[in-house]
Amino acid sequence: MNVPEQSPEIGREILAAGYRTNLHDQGEGAPVLLIHGSGPGVTAWANWRGIIPQLAQTRRVVAPDMLGFGYSERPADQQYSQARWVEHAIGVLDALGIAQADIVGNSFGGGLALALAIRHPERVRRLVLMGSVGVSFPITEGLETAWGYTPSLANMRQLLDLFAYDRTLVNDELAELRYQASIRPGFQESFAAMFPPPRQRGIEDLASREADIRALPHETLVIHGREDRIIPLEASLTLARWIENAQLHVFGHCGHWTQIEHADRFARLVEDFLAEADRTPS
């Protein structure tokens, strides 16, 4: 896949659910699986690079490029679905011999984390859903723009401006890096196949049934940026209402990049939440 040998986005390769999978595996202790979002050019490292070193101080952190993203394999049939991505995530845990993990899902990844907990409750200890999909809502202009991305430097800069509340985080250098990532061989074909129009269908495919969400027994931390223009805050309010053992934290002055715009606070919040389970194992 024309992999740059020294790229920090390259971790190690495993076979998960039959697919070559690039992942980062750092630290020791209770395992936590980080599932990234679905922005163009995204990789696990791009999504979680500010969080992995902090969480890895106290636990084993596993962050894969999900099927079709980054440096993981793209299925030949270019068919993607919630069920197939969940199968891939379970395949990652199986390949690493992890019977149960905490799951942290960002946006698209939150929808997968939620579905994984519903389908395989025994594999999940605690859930963290950040700017998460997983319930039905009318598609936002921001998400329509993200999923409808076509490669150009101008389009990437426009998209990054939508993601961040703090515009100082967005500059021409970052836009160039993410644009170059989005034009890797085979990427656009794969990305376009994931969320074709009408893109409301992509939200519905990633949503779980209300009854299944309400039945979740897991302790769940729901996190959202108040100024998020990609996923509406209402989605997290709904999740917090439906999940019995949920708590909700809303970051003000924050867009869709909670883990970047409030990296230290986010890491402490997640670490404290997961550490509760370390002290009182189920």
Protein backbone atom coordinates (compact mmCIF):
# COMPACT_ATOMS: atom_id res chain seq x y z
CA MET A 1 0.00 0.00 0.00
CA ASN A 2 2.99 2.32 -0.62
CA VAL A 3 3.66 2.64 3.09
CA PRO A 4 6.25 5.27 4.10
CA GLU A 5 8.67 3.27 6.24
CA GLN A 6 9.23 5.94 8.91
CA SER A 7 5.64 7.17 9.22
CA PRO A 8 4.49 7.37 12.87
CA GLU A 9 1.09 6.19 11.63
CA ILE A 10 2.54 2.72 11.09
CA GLY A 11 2.37 0.49 14.14
CA ARG A 12 2.46 -3.25 13.59
CA GLU A 13 0.47 -5.55 11.38
CA ILE A 14 -1.80 -8.35 12.54
CA LEU A 15 -4.45 -10.47 10.86
CA ALA A 16 -7.88 -9.56 12.29
CA ALA A 17 -11.07 -11.23 11.03
CA GLY A 18 -9.04 -12.28 8.01
CA TYR A 19 -7.80 -8.77 7.13
CA ARG A 20 -4.32 -7.27 7.39
CA THR A 21 -4.66 -4.64 10.08
CA ASN A 22 -2.32 -1.85 11.09
CA LEU A 23 -2.49 -1.03 14.79
CA HIS A 24 -0.70 0.61 17.68
CA ASP A 25 -0.26 -1.48 20.81
CA GLN A 26 1.37 0.34 23.71
CA GLY A 27 1.57 0.02 27.49
CA GLU A 28 0.63 -2.66 29.99
CA GLY A 29 -2.36 -3.25 32.22
CA ALA A 30 -6.10 -3.35 31.65
CA PRO A 31 -6.67 -3.20 27.86
CA VAL A 32 -8.48 -0.32 26.18
CA LEU A 33 -9.49 -0.38 22.51
CA LEU A 34 -9.60 3.00 20.76
CA ILE A 35 -11.83 3.19 17.65
CA HIS A 36 -11.22 6.25 15.48
CA GLY A 37 -13.64 8.44 13.54
CA SER A 38 -14.38 8.52 9.81
CA GLY A 39 -12.86 11.77 8.56
CA PRO A 40 -11.01 11.64 5.22
CA GLY A 41 -7.38 10.65 5.61
CA VAL A 42 -7.94 9.45 9.17
CA THR A 43 -5.77 6.83 10.83
CA ALA A 44 -5.72 5.58 14.40
CA TRP A 45 -2.53 7.55 15.04
CA ALA A 46 -3.91 10.78 13.55
CA ASN A 47 -7.03 10.44 15.70
CA TRP A 48 -5.44 9.33 18.98
CA ARG A 49 -1.80 10.46 18.88
CA GLY A 50 -2.28 12.92 21.75
CA ILE A 51 -4.03 10.37 23.95
CA ILE A 52 -2.18 7.08 23.42
CA PRO A 53 1.00 8.03 25.37
CA GLN A 54 -1.00 9.28 28.36
CA LEU A 55 -3.34 6.28 28.61
CA ALA A 56 -0.44 3.88 27.98
CA GLN A 57 1.17 4.96 31.24
CA THR A 58 -1.38 2.89 33.17
CA ARG A 59 -2.98 0.46 30.70
CA ARG A 60 -2.55 -1.44 27.45
CA VAL A 61 -3.76 0.78 24.61
CA VAL A 62 -4.77 -0.81 21.29
CA ALA A 63 -5.63 1.54 18.42
CA PRO A 64 -6.27 -0.10 15.02
CA ASP A 65 -6.88 1.40 11.63
CA MET A 66 -10.37 0.07 11.06
CA LEU A 67 -11.21 -1.97 7.97
CA GLY A 68 -10.79 0.17 4.85
CA PHE A 69 -9.09 3.06 6.70
CA GLY A 70 -5.47 4.10 6.91
CA TYR A 71 -2.96 1.30 6.41
CA SER A 72 -5.35 -1.58 7.07
CA GLU A 73 -6.59 -3.77 4.26
CA ARG A 74 -9.49 -2.70 2.06
CA PRO A 75 -11.91 -5.53 1.23
CA ALA A 76 -11.97 -6.41 -2.44
CA ASP A 77 -15.77 -6.08 -2.64
CA GLN A 78 -15.67 -2.52 -1.14
CA GLN A 79 -18.70 -3.38 0.98
CA TYR A 80 -18.85 -1.74 4.40
CA SER A 81 -21.41 -1.92 7.20
CA GLN A 82 -21.75 -1.58 10.95
CA ALA A 83 -21.77 -5.37 11.27
CA ARG A 84 -18.60 -5.80 9.22
CA TRP A 85 -16.69 -3.15 11.18
CA VAL A 86 -17.81 -4.67 14.48
CA GLU A 87 -16.65 -8.08 13.28
CA HIS A 88 -13.28 -6.50 12.45
CA ALA A 89 -13.00 -4.92 15.91
CA ILE A 90 -13.77 -8.26 17.57
CA GLY A 91 -11.17 -9.80 15.28
CA VAL A 92 -8.59 -7.35 16.63
CA LEU A 93 -9.36 -8.38 20.22
CA ASP A 94 -9.28 -12.07 19.28
CA ALA A 95 -5.97 -11.77 17.44
CA LEU A 96 -4.39 -10.11 20.50
CA GLY A 97 -5.89 -12.61 22.95
CA ILE A 98 -7.93 -9.93 24.74
CA ALA A 99 -11.07 -11.42 26.28
CA GLN A 100 -12.47 -8.12 27.56
CA ALA A 101 -11.53 -4.46 27.08
CA ASP A 102 -12.68 -0.96 27.76
CA ILE A 103 -13.82 0.59 24.47
CA VAL A 104 -13.37 4.26 23.54
CA GLY A 105 -15.15 5.27 20.33
CA ASN A 106 -14.89 8.60 18.52
CA SER A 107 -17.84 9.66 16.32
CA PHE A 108 -18.17 6.82 13.76
CA GLY A 109 -16.09 4.76 16.19
CA GLY A 110 -18.58 5.50 18.95
CA GLY A 111 -21.35 3.96 16.89
CA LEU A 112 -19.20 0.86 16.43
CA ALA A 113 -18.30 0.72 20.13
CA LEU A 114 -21.98 0.92 21.03
CA ALA A 115 -22.92 -1.84 18.58
CA LEU A 116 -20.03 -4.01 19.79
CA ALA A 117 -21.22 -3.70 23.39
CA ILE A 118 -24.76 -4.65 22.35
CA ARG A 119 -23.71 -7.67 20.27
CA HIS A 120 -20.85 -8.84 22.47
CA PRO A 121 -21.53 -7.48 25.98
CA GLU A 122 -19.11 -9.91 27.60
CA ARG A 123 -16.20 -8.41 25.60
CA VAL A 124 -16.72 -4.91 27.03
CA ARG A 125 -15.89 -3.71 30.53
CA ARG A 126 -16.64 0.03 30.23
CA LEU A 127 -17.67 2.30 27.34
CA VAL A 128 -16.57 5.81 26.39
CA LEU A 129 -18.54 7.44 23.57
CA MET A 130 -17.06 10.71 22.28
CA GLY A 131 -18.98 12.89 19.81
CA SER A 132 -20.68 9.63 18.96
CA VAL A 133 -23.13 8.48 16.37
CA GLY A 134 -25.23 5.44 17.27
CA VAL A 135 -28.68 7.03 17.30
CA SER A 136 -30.70 8.46 14.44
CA PHE A 137 -30.52 12.21 13.75
CA PRO A 138 -30.88 14.36 10.62
CA ILE A 139 -27.49 14.53 8.94
CA THR A 140 -25.66 17.79 9.63
CA GLU A 141 -24.11 19.94 6.94
CA GLY A 142 -20.75 19.22 8.55
CA LEU A 143 -21.10 15.44 8.35
CA GLU A 144 -22.46 15.67 4.81
CA THR A 145 -19.33 17.64 3.90
CA ALA A 146 -17.02 15.16 5.65
CA TRP A 147 -18.51 12.03 4.11
CA GLY A 148 -18.91 13.72 0.73
CA TYR A 149 -15.28 14.88 0.64
CA THR A 150 -13.51 14.85 -2.71
CA PRO A 151 -9.75 15.34 -2.62
CA SER A 152 -8.41 18.87 -2.87
CA LEU A 153 -6.37 21.03 -0.54
CA ALA A 154 -9.16 23.63 -0.41
CA ASN A 155 -11.76 21.01 0.51
CA MET A 156 -9.54 19.62 3.25
CA ARG A 157 -8.97 23.07 4.73
CA GLN A 158 -12.72 23.75 4.69
CA LEU A 159 -13.38 20.45 6.43
CA LEU A 160 -10.79 21.01 9.15
CA ASP A 161 -12.37 24.39 9.87
CA LEU A 162 -15.65 22.54 10.49
CA PHE A 163 -14.04 20.04 12.85
CA ALA A 164 -12.27 22.50 15.16
CA TYR A 165 -13.77 25.19 17.35
CA ASP A 166 -10.28 26.58 17.98
CA ARG A 167 -9.18 27.70 14.52
CA THR A 168 -5.57 28.06 15.70
CA LEU A 169 -5.41 24.27 15.54
CA VAL A 170 -5.99 24.44 11.79
CA ASN A 171 -3.21 25.68 9.54
CA ASP A 172 -1.98 25.14 6.00
CA GLU A 173 0.58 22.56 7.16
CA LEU A 174 -2.06 20.39 8.84
CA ALA A 175 -4.36 20.73 5.84
CA GLU A 176 -1.55 19.65 3.53
CA LEU A 177 -0.72 16.62 5.71
CA ARG A 178 -4.33 15.45 5.87
CA TYR A 179 -4.85 16.13 2.16
CA GLN A 180 -1.82 14.00 1.29
CA ALA A 181 -3.18 11.25 3.54
CA SER A 182 -6.51 11.41 1.70
CA ILE A 183 -4.92 10.80 -1.71
CA ARG A 184 -2.99 7.66 -0.86
CA PRO A 185 -3.52 5.01 -3.56
CA GLY A 186 -6.94 3.41 -3.23
CA PHE A 187 -8.11 5.67 -0.41
CA GLN A 188 -10.73 7.74 -2.20
CA GLU A 189 -12.30 4.70 -3.84
CA SER A 190 -12.63 3.05 -0.44
CA PHE A 191 -13.83 6.18 1.34
CA ALA A 192 -16.46 6.94 -1.30
CA ALA A 193 -17.78 3.37 -1.00
CA MET A 194 -18.29 3.70 2.77
CA PHE A 195 -20.79 6.56 2.83
CA PRO A 196 -22.44 6.96 -0.59
CA PRO A 197 -25.43 9.25 -1.05
CA PRO A 198 -28.01 9.52 0.31
CA ARG A 199 -25.69 9.83 3.32
CA GLN A 200 -28.51 9.81 5.85
CA ARG A 201 -28.43 6.07 5.23
CA GLY A 202 -24.92 5.96 6.72
CA ILE A 203 -26.22 7.42 9.98
CA GLU A 204 -29.02 4.88 10.10
CA ASP A 205 -26.63 1.99 9.41
CA LEU A 206 -24.44 3.07 12.32
CA ALA A 207 -27.43 3.52 14.67
CA SER A 208 -28.50 0.88 17.17
CA ARG A 209 -32.08 0.17 18.27
CA GLU A 210 -33.36 2.19 21.22
CA ALA A 211 -34.41 -0.95 23.11
CA ASP A 212 -30.92 -2.43 22.71
CA ILE A 213 -29.25 0.77 23.91
CA ARG A 214 -31.56 0.99 26.92
CA ALA A 215 -30.70 -2.60 27.82
CA LEU A 216 -26.95 -1.96 28.01
CA PRO A 217 -25.65 -2.72 31.50
CA HIS A 218 -22.21 -1.14 31.04
CA GLU A 219 -20.96 1.93 32.86
CA THR A 220 -20.70 4.49 30.07
CA LEU A 221 -19.04 7.89 29.80
CA VAL A 222 -20.59 10.10 27.11
CA ILE A 223 -18.47 13.08 25.98
CA HIS A 224 -19.32 15.85 23.51
CA GLY A 225 -18.11 19.25 22.38
CA ARG A 226 -20.77 21.90 22.82
CA GLU A 227 -19.91 23.59 19.51
CA ASP A 228 -19.65 20.34 17.51
CA ARG A 229 -20.81 20.99 13.93
CA ILE A 230 -20.30 17.40 12.74
CA ILE A 231 -22.36 15.38 15.24
CA PRO A 232 -25.08 17.30 17.10
CA LEU A 233 -24.90 17.49 20.88
CA GLU A 234 -28.46 16.12 20.94
CA ALA A 235 -27.10 12.71 19.89
CA SER A 236 -25.07 12.45 23.10
CA LEU A 237 -27.95 13.80 25.18
CA THR A 238 -30.07 10.98 23.78
CA LEU A 239 -27.42 8.37 24.54
CA ALA A 240 -27.08 9.69 28.09
CA ARG A 241 -30.85 9.44 28.56
CA TRP A 242 -31.14 5.95 27.12
CA ILE A 243 -28.11 4.26 28.75
CA GLU A 244 -29.03 3.51 32.35
CA ASN A 245 -25.49 3.67 33.76
CA ALA A 246 -24.37 6.73 31.79
CA GLN A 247 -22.72 9.97 32.77
CA LEU A 248 -22.38 12.94 30.41
CA HIS A 249 -19.58 15.49 30.12
CA VAL A 250 -19.93 18.43 27.72
CA PHE A 251 -16.86 20.52 26.89
CA GLY A 252 -17.57 24.17 26.15
CA HIS A 253 -15.54 26.00 23.50
CA CYS A 254 -15.05 22.68 21.76
CA GLY A 255 -15.95 21.30 18.35
CA HIS A 256 -15.70 17.71 17.15
CA TRP A 257 -12.08 17.27 18.27
CA THR A 258 -12.51 16.83 22.03
CA GLN A 259 -9.46 14.57 22.23
CA ILE A 260 -7.35 17.24 20.48
CA GLU A 261 -8.86 20.54 21.63
CA HIS A 262 -9.00 19.45 25.29
CA ALA A 263 -6.45 16.64 25.18
CA ASP A 264 -5.22 16.79 28.79
CA ARG A 265 -8.71 17.17 30.27
CA PHE A 266 -10.04 14.43 28.02
CA ALA A 267 -7.25 12.02 29.01
CA ARG A 268 -7.75 12.69 32.74
CA LEU A 269 -11.52 12.27 32.43
CA VAL A 270 -11.19 8.96 30.61
CA GLU A 271 -8.43 7.69 32.88
CA ASP A 272 -10.40 8.49 36.04
CA PHE A 273 -13.50 6.80 34.63
CA LEU A 274 -11.62 3.63 33.65
CA ALA A 275 -9.64 3.58 36.91
CA GLU A 276 -12.88 3.19 38.84
CA ALA A 277 -13.28 -0.22 37.23
CA ASP A 278 -9.65 -1.07 38.02
CA ARG A 279 -10.44 -0.59 41.72
CA THR A 280 -13.75 -2.47 41.62
CA PRO A 281 -13.39 -5.22 39.01
CA SER A 282 -16.57 -6.84 37.78
